[in-house]
């Protein structure tokens, strides 16, 4: 009995008892403030422990939360930063994965191809805080890039093999199918009440889908459409292959219900890029493009027939676009900000405040954003920002070409084409919509980078990814 009493007063045991009593006291105090806080904290603790043992679940949950988060699901705001579903899941994932990395001594800050140029982009924005119009908006933009780096670091730290990439893709597809079901069947089943938003869209309003603007709703879904079709072709079970093909059509249909031209155009462009994976088609397409381009150039220069009239209509339309159209007016404002800052850019944030000098109507409307990534960079970051953006595009393109080479003849070859094809479609439409920190582009890029690094390691180690040949 005396031995047991002495053991009670050992420093290690006393520390545990003190921590337990402190935890219980804290939970009791929070219960007195708000009864919902202790259950939430307990659920968060259990979720962290679960994710600690299953790091890929943490990554998958983070990706799903990123896709499912909408403006209507924000719980509260900190300044102009909305806190919704994604932020708590990201925090839980970061805590669990940081603990996992500490216990297993795995580095979270791994190198990846576009990290250096991305750091340069953020660094230039950080310098822009010294001359930006509104510091709070600029700081918000820096915080947003911090979240991008956090999510990319988590994905690239734990998605390290081809099997890991496939598992994360299942999470992504599942989240998009869920979004499509909510958008199409939610009202009919009484689960949601988005019908009023769709009616607002039909009348010219902009809120649709899961509380998102149509282009954003469509782009959230568009990334996975070509990849799901490519993923279906490598499935060994027939029922799984056809289920994924059905999921491809379903997500595409859900995306198209938004009426977004950007979403539709991006998928069409991505499909064309994926088609280029076929060498014979690529060969004849290149020849047709050269011959057709030469014939069109001759006809245009000679002002033959309707082609010359078409050019005149286009040139007149461009003038009208910049004078009257919402996008054109914003682009003119971007160029004005570029000129007035002598090519330096106005710094991060502050676009709305500067816009009033160029168009009071735009300033008081809901259309007061640059309507295009390049235009936003011209206005905010100037010459340096545009050059850094160009460098980023070159680095990602080189990474994609290398991945295609490394995966040739393997199961991953279809995704090596389909995933960057989706990003290319997004990039093409980004000249008239979106901003550089838009979701979920960066998560998709990080997942593709994980595929690239897995293919690189497999190639360099002499153990290539599983071979694949097309079978119906």
Protein backbone atom coordinates (compact mmCIF):
# COMPACT_ATOMS: atom_id res chain seq x y z
CA UNK A 1 0.00 0.00 0.00
CA UNK A 2 2.82 2.42 0.84
CA UNK A 3 4.44 1.73 -2.55
CA UNK A 4 1.23 2.69 -4.34
CA UNK A 5 0.97 5.92 -2.34
CA UNK A 6 4.52 6.84 -3.22
CA UNK A 7 3.79 6.16 -6.90
CA UNK A 8 0.93 8.66 -6.77
CA UNK A 9 3.39 11.42 -5.99
CA UNK A 10 5.86 10.65 -8.78
CA UNK A 11 6.48 13.78 -10.93
CA UNK A 12 5.41 12.13 -14.21
CA UNK A 13 2.09 10.95 -12.76
CA UNK A 14 1.44 14.26 -11.03
CA UNK A 15 1.95 16.05 -14.35
CA UNK A 16 -0.58 13.78 -16.07
CA UNK A 17 -3.13 14.29 -13.30
CA UNK A 18 -2.62 18.06 -13.44
CA UNK A 19 -3.09 18.11 -17.21
CA UNK A 20 -6.25 15.99 -16.93
CA UNK A 21 -7.71 18.24 -14.21
CA UNK A 22 -6.80 21.34 -16.24
CA UNK A 23 -8.51 19.91 -19.32
CA UNK A 24 -11.66 19.03 -17.36
CA UNK A 25 -11.75 22.48 -15.76
CA UNK A 26 -11.36 24.17 -19.16
CA UNK A 27 -14.19 22.09 -20.64
CA UNK A 28 -16.40 22.92 -17.65
CA UNK A 29 -15.75 26.65 -18.05
CA UNK A 30 -16.44 26.54 -21.79
CA UNK A 31 -19.62 24.55 -21.11
CA UNK A 32 -20.80 27.39 -18.86
CA UNK A 33 -20.14 29.89 -21.66
CA UNK A 34 -21.68 27.82 -24.50
CA UNK A 35 -22.78 24.18 -24.18
CA UNK A 36 -21.85 23.50 -27.83
CA UNK A 37 -18.14 24.24 -27.38
CA UNK A 38 -17.10 21.13 -25.35
CA UNK A 39 -18.72 18.63 -27.77
CA UNK A 40 -17.09 20.43 -30.69
CA UNK A 41 -13.69 20.35 -28.98
CA UNK A 42 -14.10 16.67 -28.13
CA UNK A 43 -15.13 15.90 -31.72
CA UNK A 44 -12.13 17.85 -32.97
CA UNK A 45 -9.82 15.88 -30.68
CA UNK A 46 -11.24 12.54 -31.83
CA UNK A 47 -11.03 13.63 -35.48
CA UNK A 48 -7.40 14.65 -35.00
CA UNK A 49 -6.58 11.25 -33.49
CA UNK A 50 -8.36 9.50 -36.36
CA UNK A 51 -6.58 11.57 -38.98
CA UNK A 52 -3.28 11.05 -37.18
CA UNK A 53 -3.49 7.33 -37.91
CA UNK A 54 -4.78 7.87 -41.46
CA UNK A 55 -2.93 10.83 -43.04
CA UNK A 56 -4.43 10.23 -46.50
CA UNK A 57 -7.89 10.54 -44.96
CA UNK A 58 -6.80 13.93 -43.68
CA UNK A 59 -5.73 14.96 -47.17
CA UNK A 60 -8.94 13.58 -48.70
CA UNK A 61 -11.12 15.32 -46.12
CA UNK A 62 -9.28 18.58 -46.76
CA UNK A 63 -9.81 18.31 -50.54
CA UNK A 64 -13.50 17.47 -50.09
CA UNK A 65 -14.04 20.37 -47.71
CA UNK A 66 -12.35 22.72 -50.18
CA UNK A 67 -14.77 21.66 -52.91
CA UNK A 68 -17.89 21.61 -50.75
CA UNK A 69 -17.27 24.96 -49.06
CA UNK A 70 -19.49 27.74 -50.39
CA UNK A 71 -20.25 31.32 -49.50
CA UNK A 72 -23.57 30.26 -47.97
CA UNK A 73 -21.82 27.82 -45.61
CA UNK A 74 -19.59 30.38 -43.89
CA UNK A 75 -19.97 30.19 -40.13
CA UNK A 76 -18.50 33.61 -39.32
CA UNK A 77 -15.98 36.12 -40.63
CA UNK A 78 -12.72 37.57 -39.36
CA UNK A 79 -12.52 40.98 -41.03
CA UNK A 80 -13.14 40.12 -44.69
CA UNK A 81 -12.04 36.48 -44.33
CA UNK A 82 -14.94 34.02 -44.28
CA UNK A 83 -14.62 30.93 -42.08
CA UNK A 84 -16.60 27.98 -43.38
CA UNK A 85 -16.26 24.22 -43.67
CA UNK A 86 -12.80 24.18 -45.22
CA UNK A 87 -10.87 26.18 -42.63
CA UNK A 88 -11.62 23.95 -39.57
CA UNK A 89 -10.92 20.80 -41.60
CA UNK A 90 -7.66 22.34 -42.85
CA UNK A 91 -6.69 23.16 -39.26
CA UNK A 92 -7.45 19.61 -38.09
CA UNK A 93 -5.55 18.15 -41.03
CA UNK A 94 -2.55 20.40 -40.41
CA UNK A 95 -2.44 19.54 -36.70
CA UNK A 96 -2.77 15.81 -37.34
CA UNK A 97 -0.24 15.78 -40.15
CA UNK A 98 2.21 17.99 -38.27
CA UNK A 99 2.07 15.58 -35.32
CA UNK A 100 2.43 12.66 -37.71
CA UNK A 101 5.44 14.30 -39.35
CA UNK A 102 7.01 15.03 -35.96
CA UNK A 103 6.56 11.44 -34.74
CA UNK A 104 7.82 9.88 -37.97
CA UNK A 105 10.40 12.63 -38.61
CA UNK A 106 9.03 13.28 -42.08
CA UNK A 107 9.66 16.79 -43.45
CA UNK A 108 6.54 18.77 -44.38
CA UNK A 109 8.43 21.38 -46.41
CA UNK A 110 9.42 19.22 -49.37
CA UNK A 111 10.74 20.65 -52.65
CA UNK A 112 8.47 20.74 -55.68
CA UNK A 113 9.02 22.24 -59.17
CA UNK A 114 6.95 25.43 -58.88
CA UNK A 115 7.67 26.28 -55.25
CA UNK A 116 10.49 28.77 -55.91
CA UNK A 117 8.58 30.82 -58.49
CA UNK A 118 5.48 30.74 -56.30
CA UNK A 119 7.50 32.07 -53.37
CA UNK A 120 8.71 34.85 -55.68
CA UNK A 121 5.10 35.70 -56.60
CA UNK A 122 4.13 35.91 -52.93
CA UNK A 123 7.33 37.80 -52.08
CA UNK A 124 6.55 40.47 -54.68
CA UNK A 125 3.07 40.82 -53.24
CA UNK A 126 4.52 41.16 -49.77
CA UNK A 127 6.73 44.03 -51.00
CA UNK A 128 3.62 45.53 -52.61
CA UNK A 129 2.13 46.00 -49.14
CA UNK A 130 4.41 49.02 -48.76
CA UNK A 131 2.60 50.93 -51.55
CA UNK A 132 -0.78 49.18 -51.76
CA UNK A 133 -3.96 51.23 -51.58
CA UNK A 134 -5.58 49.31 -48.73
CA UNK A 135 -3.33 47.35 -46.37
CA UNK A 136 -6.12 45.15 -44.97
CA UNK A 137 -7.07 43.86 -48.45
CA UNK A 138 -3.42 43.30 -49.29
CA UNK A 139 -2.84 41.39 -46.06
CA UNK A 140 -5.89 39.23 -46.80
CA UNK A 141 -4.36 38.30 -50.15
CA UNK A 142 -1.07 37.33 -48.46
CA UNK A 143 -3.00 35.18 -45.95
CA UNK A 144 -4.81 33.49 -48.85
CA UNK A 145 -1.48 32.54 -50.40
CA UNK A 146 -0.39 31.25 -47.00
CA UNK A 147 -3.37 28.88 -47.05
CA UNK A 148 -2.39 27.80 -50.57
CA UNK A 149 1.13 26.93 -49.39
CA UNK A 150 -0.28 25.10 -46.36
CA UNK A 151 -2.58 22.91 -48.44
CA UNK A 152 0.10 22.25 -51.07
CA UNK A 153 2.60 21.31 -48.35
CA UNK A 154 0.14 18.88 -46.76
CA UNK A 155 -0.71 17.23 -50.09
CA UNK A 156 2.89 16.92 -51.24
CA UNK A 157 4.13 15.69 -47.86
CA UNK A 158 1.79 12.71 -47.69
CA UNK A 159 0.65 11.96 -51.25
CA UNK A 160 3.86 10.26 -52.35
CA UNK A 161 2.94 7.24 -54.47
CA UNK A 162 0.72 6.38 -57.40
CA UNK A 163 -1.68 4.58 -55.04
CA UNK A 164 -1.87 7.71 -52.87
CA UNK A 165 -2.78 9.82 -55.91
CA UNK A 166 -5.53 7.38 -56.87
CA UNK A 167 -6.98 7.46 -53.36
CA UNK A 168 -7.08 11.27 -53.33
CA UNK A 169 -8.72 11.23 -56.75
CA UNK A 170 -11.48 9.02 -55.33
CA UNK A 171 -12.08 11.63 -52.62
CA UNK A 172 -12.21 14.40 -55.25
CA UNK A 173 -14.63 12.50 -57.49
CA UNK A 174 -16.85 11.64 -54.52
CA UNK A 175 -17.00 15.28 -53.44
CA UNK A 176 -17.92 16.44 -56.96
CA UNK A 177 -20.64 13.80 -57.30
CA UNK A 178 -22.03 14.94 -53.93
CA UNK A 179 -22.03 18.56 -55.11
CA UNK A 180 -23.81 17.55 -58.30
CA UNK A 181 -26.44 15.58 -56.38
CA UNK A 182 -27.07 18.50 -54.02
CA UNK A 183 -27.31 20.95 -56.91
CA UNK A 184 -29.62 18.81 -59.06
CA UNK A 185 -31.64 16.80 -56.54
CA UNK A 186 -31.29 18.82 -53.34
CA UNK A 187 -34.43 20.88 -53.79
CA UNK A 188 -36.48 17.95 -55.06
CA UNK A 189 -35.54 15.85 -52.03
CA UNK A 190 -36.04 18.71 -49.59
CA UNK A 191 -32.37 18.72 -48.56
CA UNK A 192 -31.56 22.21 -49.82
CA UNK A 193 -33.32 25.41 -50.85
CA UNK A 194 -31.34 26.65 -53.83
CA UNK A 195 -34.32 27.00 -56.19
CA UNK A 196 -34.61 30.72 -55.45
CA UNK A 197 -30.96 31.17 -56.37
CA UNK A 198 -31.42 29.37 -59.68
CA UNK A 199 -34.45 31.56 -60.41
CA UNK A 200 -32.34 34.61 -59.61
CA UNK A 201 -29.79 33.41 -62.12
CA UNK A 202 -32.45 33.01 -64.80
CA UNK A 203 -33.46 36.63 -64.19
CA UNK A 204 -29.92 37.88 -64.53
CA UNK A 205 -28.78 37.38 -60.92
CA UNK A 206 -25.41 35.80 -60.21
CA UNK A 207 -25.90 33.50 -57.18
CA UNK A 208 -26.52 29.87 -58.19
CA UNK A 209 -25.52 26.32 -57.42
CA UNK A 210 -24.54 25.80 -53.80
CA UNK A 211 -24.63 29.49 -53.10
CA UNK A 212 -21.86 30.17 -55.63
CA UNK A 213 -21.57 32.40 -58.65
CA UNK A 214 -22.18 30.23 -61.78
CA UNK A 215 -18.63 30.35 -63.12
CA UNK A 216 -17.16 29.42 -59.74
CA UNK A 217 -19.66 26.59 -59.29
CA UNK A 218 -18.88 25.20 -62.75
CA UNK A 219 -15.11 25.52 -62.36
CA UNK A 220 -15.19 23.66 -59.04
CA UNK A 221 -16.57 20.69 -60.95
CA UNK A 222 -14.84 21.07 -64.32
CA UNK A 223 -11.34 20.07 -63.19
CA UNK A 224 -12.28 16.46 -62.49
CA UNK A 225 -14.37 15.75 -65.61
CA UNK A 226 -11.57 14.65 -68.02
CA UNK A 227 -9.61 13.01 -65.18
CA UNK A 228 -12.60 10.88 -64.12
CA UNK A 229 -12.96 9.57 -67.68
CA UNK A 230 -9.23 8.80 -67.82
CA UNK A 231 -9.41 7.17 -64.39
CA UNK A 232 -12.28 4.96 -65.56
CA UNK A 233 -10.22 3.47 -68.37
CA UNK A 234 -7.60 1.96 -66.04
CA UNK A 235 -10.09 0.22 -63.74
CA UNK A 236 -9.81 -3.57 -63.85
CA UNK A 237 -13.40 -4.19 -62.72
CA UNK A 238 -15.96 -3.54 -65.43
CA UNK A 239 -18.68 -2.24 -63.09
CA UNK A 240 -16.25 0.28 -61.60
CA UNK A 241 -15.19 1.46 -65.03
CA UNK A 242 -18.78 2.11 -66.12
CA UNK A 243 -19.64 3.69 -62.78
CA UNK A 244 -16.83 6.20 -63.24
CA UNK A 245 -17.89 6.93 -66.81
CA UNK A 246 -21.40 7.55 -65.49
CA UNK A 247 -19.93 9.82 -62.81
CA UNK A 248 -18.11 11.73 -65.56
CA UNK A 249 -21.37 12.39 -67.38
CA UNK A 250 -23.21 13.23 -64.18
CA UNK A 251 -20.64 15.77 -62.97
CA UNK A 252 -20.53 17.31 -66.44
CA UNK A 253 -24.34 17.58 -66.47
CA UNK A 254 -24.36 19.15 -63.00
CA UNK A 255 -21.71 21.62 -64.12
CA UNK A 256 -23.67 22.54 -67.25
CA UNK A 257 -26.82 23.34 -65.26
CA UNK A 258 -25.09 26.51 -64.06
CA UNK A 259 -25.12 27.87 -67.62
CA UNK A 260 -21.47 28.85 -67.27
CA UNK A 261 -19.78 29.42 -70.61
CA UNK A 262 -16.43 29.30 -68.85
CA UNK A 263 -17.08 25.84 -67.43
CA UNK A 264 -18.35 24.48 -70.73
CA UNK A 265 -15.53 26.06 -72.73
CA UNK A 266 -12.88 24.81 -70.31
CA UNK A 267 -14.09 21.22 -70.55
CA UNK A 268 -14.20 21.38 -74.36
CA UNK A 269 -10.64 22.75 -74.47
CA UNK A 270 -9.47 20.13 -71.97
CA UNK A 271 -11.08 17.37 -74.04
CA UNK A 272 -9.21 18.59 -77.10
CA UNK A 273 -5.90 18.53 -75.22
CA UNK A 274 -6.57 15.01 -73.92
CA UNK A 275 -7.32 13.90 -77.49
CA UNK A 276 -3.80 14.99 -78.39
CA UNK A 277 -2.54 12.02 -76.36
CA UNK A 278 -3.30 9.89 -79.44
CA UNK A 279 -0.17 10.17 -81.68
CA UNK A 280 -2.04 9.65 -84.98
CA UNK A 281 -4.60 12.31 -84.14
CA UNK A 282 -1.85 14.64 -82.97
CA UNK A 283 0.03 14.15 -86.23
CA UNK A 284 -2.94 14.89 -88.50
CA UNK A 285 -4.29 17.66 -86.31
CA UNK A 286 -0.94 19.48 -86.54
CA UNK A 287 -0.95 19.16 -90.34
CA UNK A 288 -4.56 20.34 -90.58
CA UNK A 289 -3.84 23.30 -88.29
CA UNK A 290 -0.85 24.40 -90.37
CA UNK A 291 -2.69 24.05 -93.69
CA UNK A 292 -5.89 25.62 -92.40
CA UNK A 293 -4.02 28.46 -90.71
CA UNK A 294 -2.08 29.23 -93.89
CA UNK A 295 -5.24 29.27 -96.03
CA UNK A 296 -7.04 31.50 -93.50
CA UNK A 297 -4.08 33.90 -93.32
CA UNK A 298 -3.96 34.26 -97.11
CA UNK A 299 -7.71 34.90 -97.27
CA UNK A 300 -7.58 37.39 -94.40
CA UNK A 301 -4.63 39.35 -95.77
CA UNK A 302 -6.24 39.49 -99.18
CA UNK A 303 -9.51 40.63 -97.55
CA UNK A 304 -11.40 37.94 -99.43
CA UNK A 305 -15.14 37.65 -99.02
CA UNK A 306 -16.74 37.45 -95.62
CA UNK A 307 -13.41 36.92 -93.82
CA UNK A 308 -12.48 40.56 -94.29
CA UNK A 309 -15.95 41.64 -93.16
CA UNK A 310 -15.57 39.36 -90.16
CA UNK A 311 -12.32 41.04 -89.17
CA UNK A 312 -13.96 44.43 -89.42
CA UNK A 313 -16.81 43.27 -87.18
CA UNK A 314 -14.32 41.84 -84.68
CA UNK A 315 -12.28 45.03 -84.57
CA UNK A 316 -15.43 47.08 -84.11
CA UNK A 317 -16.65 44.64 -81.48
CA UNK A 318 -13.42 44.97 -79.52
CA UNK A 319 -13.84 48.74 -79.42
CA UNK A 320 -17.41 48.31 -78.21
CA UNK A 321 -16.27 45.72 -75.66
CA UNK A 322 -13.83 48.08 -74.01
CA UNK A 323 -16.33 50.92 -74.02
CA UNK A 324 -19.55 49.25 -72.90
CA UNK A 325 -19.03 45.65 -71.72
CA UNK A 326 -18.50 44.92 -68.02
CA UNK A 327 -15.35 42.91 -68.65
CA UNK A 328 -13.98 45.45 -71.09
CA UNK A 329 -14.59 48.28 -68.65
CA UNK A 330 -12.74 46.40 -65.92
CA UNK A 331 -9.87 45.61 -68.27
CA UNK A 332 -9.61 49.28 -69.23
CA UNK A 333 -9.46 50.12 -65.53
CA UNK A 334 -6.69 47.53 -65.05
CA UNK A 335 -4.65 49.12 -67.84
CA UNK A 336 -5.27 52.54 -66.33
CA UNK A 337 -3.96 51.36 -62.94
CA UNK A 338 -0.94 49.87 -64.69
CA UNK A 339 -0.15 53.13 -66.48
CA UNK A 340 -0.70 55.35 -63.45
CA UNK A 341 1.59 53.17 -61.33
CA UNK A 342 4.27 53.34 -64.07
CA UNK A 343 4.16 49.57 -64.53
CA UNK A 344 4.75 48.83 -60.85
CA UNK A 345 1.15 47.87 -60.08
CA UNK A 346 -1.08 49.18 -57.31
CA UNK A 347 0.00 46.42 -54.90
CA UNK A 348 -2.13 43.60 -53.49
CA UNK A 349 -5.76 44.45 -52.85
CA UNK A 350 -7.20 47.91 -53.33
CA UNK A 351 -8.70 47.27 -56.75
CA UNK A 352 -12.19 48.35 -55.66
CA UNK A 353 -10.95 51.63 -54.16
CA UNK A 354 -9.01 52.49 -57.32
CA UNK A 355 -11.89 51.46 -59.58
CA UNK A 356 -14.00 54.46 -58.56
CA UNK A 357 -11.62 56.74 -60.48
CA UNK A 358 -12.39 54.90 -63.72
CA UNK A 359 -16.06 53.93 -63.43
CA UNK A 360 -18.39 55.00 -60.69
CA UNK A 361 -21.05 52.63 -62.05
CA UNK A 362 -18.72 49.63 -61.81
CA UNK A 363 -17.62 50.74 -58.36
CA UNK A 364 -21.22 50.58 -57.12
CA UNK A 365 -22.00 47.27 -58.88
CA UNK A 366 -21.23 43.60 -58.16
CA UNK A 367 -18.87 43.41 -61.16
CA UNK A 368 -15.95 45.21 -59.54
CA UNK A 369 -13.13 42.74 -60.00
CA UNK A 370 -10.60 42.42 -62.84
CA UNK A 371 -12.38 39.56 -64.66
CA UNK A 372 -9.23 37.69 -65.54
CA UNK A 373 -6.02 36.48 -63.90
CA UNK A 374 -3.68 38.29 -66.30
CA UNK A 375 -5.67 41.52 -66.01
CA UNK A 376 -5.58 41.28 -62.23
CA UNK A 377 -1.83 40.80 -62.30
CA UNK A 378 -1.42 43.77 -64.64
CA UNK A 379 -3.31 45.99 -62.23
CA UNK A 380 -1.94 44.69 -58.93
CA UNK A 381 1.61 43.51 -59.58
CA UNK A 382 2.62 45.27 -62.80
CA UNK A 383 5.45 44.17 -65.07
CA UNK A 384 7.22 42.10 -62.42
CA UNK A 385 4.05 40.21 -61.51
CA UNK A 386 3.21 39.42 -65.14
CA UNK A 387 6.76 38.14 -65.75
CA UNK A 388 6.58 35.97 -62.64
CA UNK A 389 3.22 34.62 -63.78
CA UNK A 390 4.79 33.76 -67.15
CA UNK A 391 7.65 31.98 -65.40
CA UNK A 392 5.17 30.02 -63.30
CA UNK A 393 3.27 28.90 -66.42
CA UNK A 394 6.52 27.77 -68.08
CA UNK A 395 7.57 25.76 -65.01
CA UNK A 396 4.19 24.01 -64.75
CA UNK A 397 4.14 23.28 -68.50
CA UNK A 398 7.63 21.74 -68.32
CA UNK A 399 6.52 19.65 -65.36
CA UNK A 400 3.51 18.39 -67.34
CA UNK A 401 5.62 17.42 -70.36
CA UNK A 402 8.05 15.58 -68.10
CA UNK A 403 5.19 13.73 -66.40
CA UNK A 404 3.78 12.61 -69.75
CA UNK A 405 7.21 11.24 -70.70
CA UNK A 406 7.70 9.48 -67.37
CA UNK A 407 4.26 7.82 -67.42
CA UNK A 408 4.17 6.72 -71.05
CA UNK A 409 2.75 3.19 -71.27
CA UNK A 410 1.74 3.11 -67.60
CA UNK A 411 -1.58 3.36 -65.74
CA UNK A 412 -0.91 7.00 -64.98
CA UNK A 413 -0.50 8.11 -68.60
CA UNK A 414 -4.17 9.04 -69.01
CA UNK A 415 -4.14 11.21 -65.89
CA UNK A 416 -0.78 12.69 -66.92
CA UNK A 417 -2.67 14.16 -69.89
CA UNK A 418 -6.10 14.74 -68.35
CA UNK A 419 -5.08 16.63 -65.20
CA UNK A 420 -2.98 19.35 -66.90
CA UNK A 421 -5.55 19.48 -69.72
CA UNK A 422 -8.14 20.61 -67.17
CA UNK A 423 -5.72 23.26 -65.89
CA UNK A 424 -5.06 24.42 -69.46
CA UNK A 425 -8.80 24.80 -70.08
CA UNK A 426 -9.04 26.82 -66.88
CA UNK A 427 -6.05 28.94 -67.95
CA UNK A 428 -7.62 29.73 -71.33
CA UNK A 429 -10.80 30.96 -69.69
CA UNK A 430 -8.83 32.78 -67.00
CA UNK A 431 -8.20 35.62 -69.46
CA UNK A 432 -11.84 36.65 -69.00
CA UNK A 433 -12.61 35.37 -65.49
CA UNK A 434 -11.15 34.34 -62.10
CA UNK A 435 -8.23 35.51 -59.97
CA UNK A 436 -4.81 34.00 -59.30
CA UNK A 437 -5.72 32.67 -55.85
CA UNK A 438 -8.89 30.94 -57.06
CA UNK A 439 -9.93 27.58 -55.66
CA UNK A 440 -9.64 24.68 -56.34
CA UNK A 441 -6.94 25.19 -58.97
CA UNK A 442 -4.09 25.07 -56.46
CA UNK A 443 -5.23 21.84 -54.82
CA UNK A 444 -5.56 20.26 -58.28
CA UNK A 445 -2.08 21.48 -59.22
CA UNK A 446 -0.65 20.12 -55.95
CA UNK A 447 -2.25 16.72 -56.58
CA UNK A 448 -0.84 16.67 -60.12
CA UNK A 449 2.55 17.66 -58.75
CA UNK A 450 2.33 14.68 -56.40
CA UNK A 451 1.74 12.48 -59.46
CA UNK A 452 4.72 14.10 -61.19
CA UNK A 453 7.03 13.46 -58.22
CA UNK A 454 5.80 9.86 -57.85
CA UNK A 455 6.45 9.23 -61.56
CA UNK A 456 9.90 10.83 -61.28
CA UNK A 457 10.86 8.66 -58.32
CA UNK A 458 9.58 5.53 -60.05
CA UNK A 459 11.54 6.37 -63.21
CA UNK A 460 14.76 7.18 -61.40
CA UNK A 461 14.59 4.11 -59.16
CA UNK A 462 14.10 1.78 -62.11
CA UNK A 463 10.73 0.54 -60.81
CA UNK A 464 8.22 2.11 -63.22
CA UNK A 465 4.53 2.45 -62.51
CA UNK A 466 2.25 -0.49 -63.49
CA UNK A 467 1.99 -0.98 -67.24
CA UNK A 468 -1.35 -0.45 -68.93
CA UNK A 469 -3.01 -1.13 -72.27
CA UNK A 470 -6.53 -0.11 -73.28
CA UNK A 471 -9.20 -2.78 -72.95
CA UNK A 472 -12.99 -2.41 -73.27
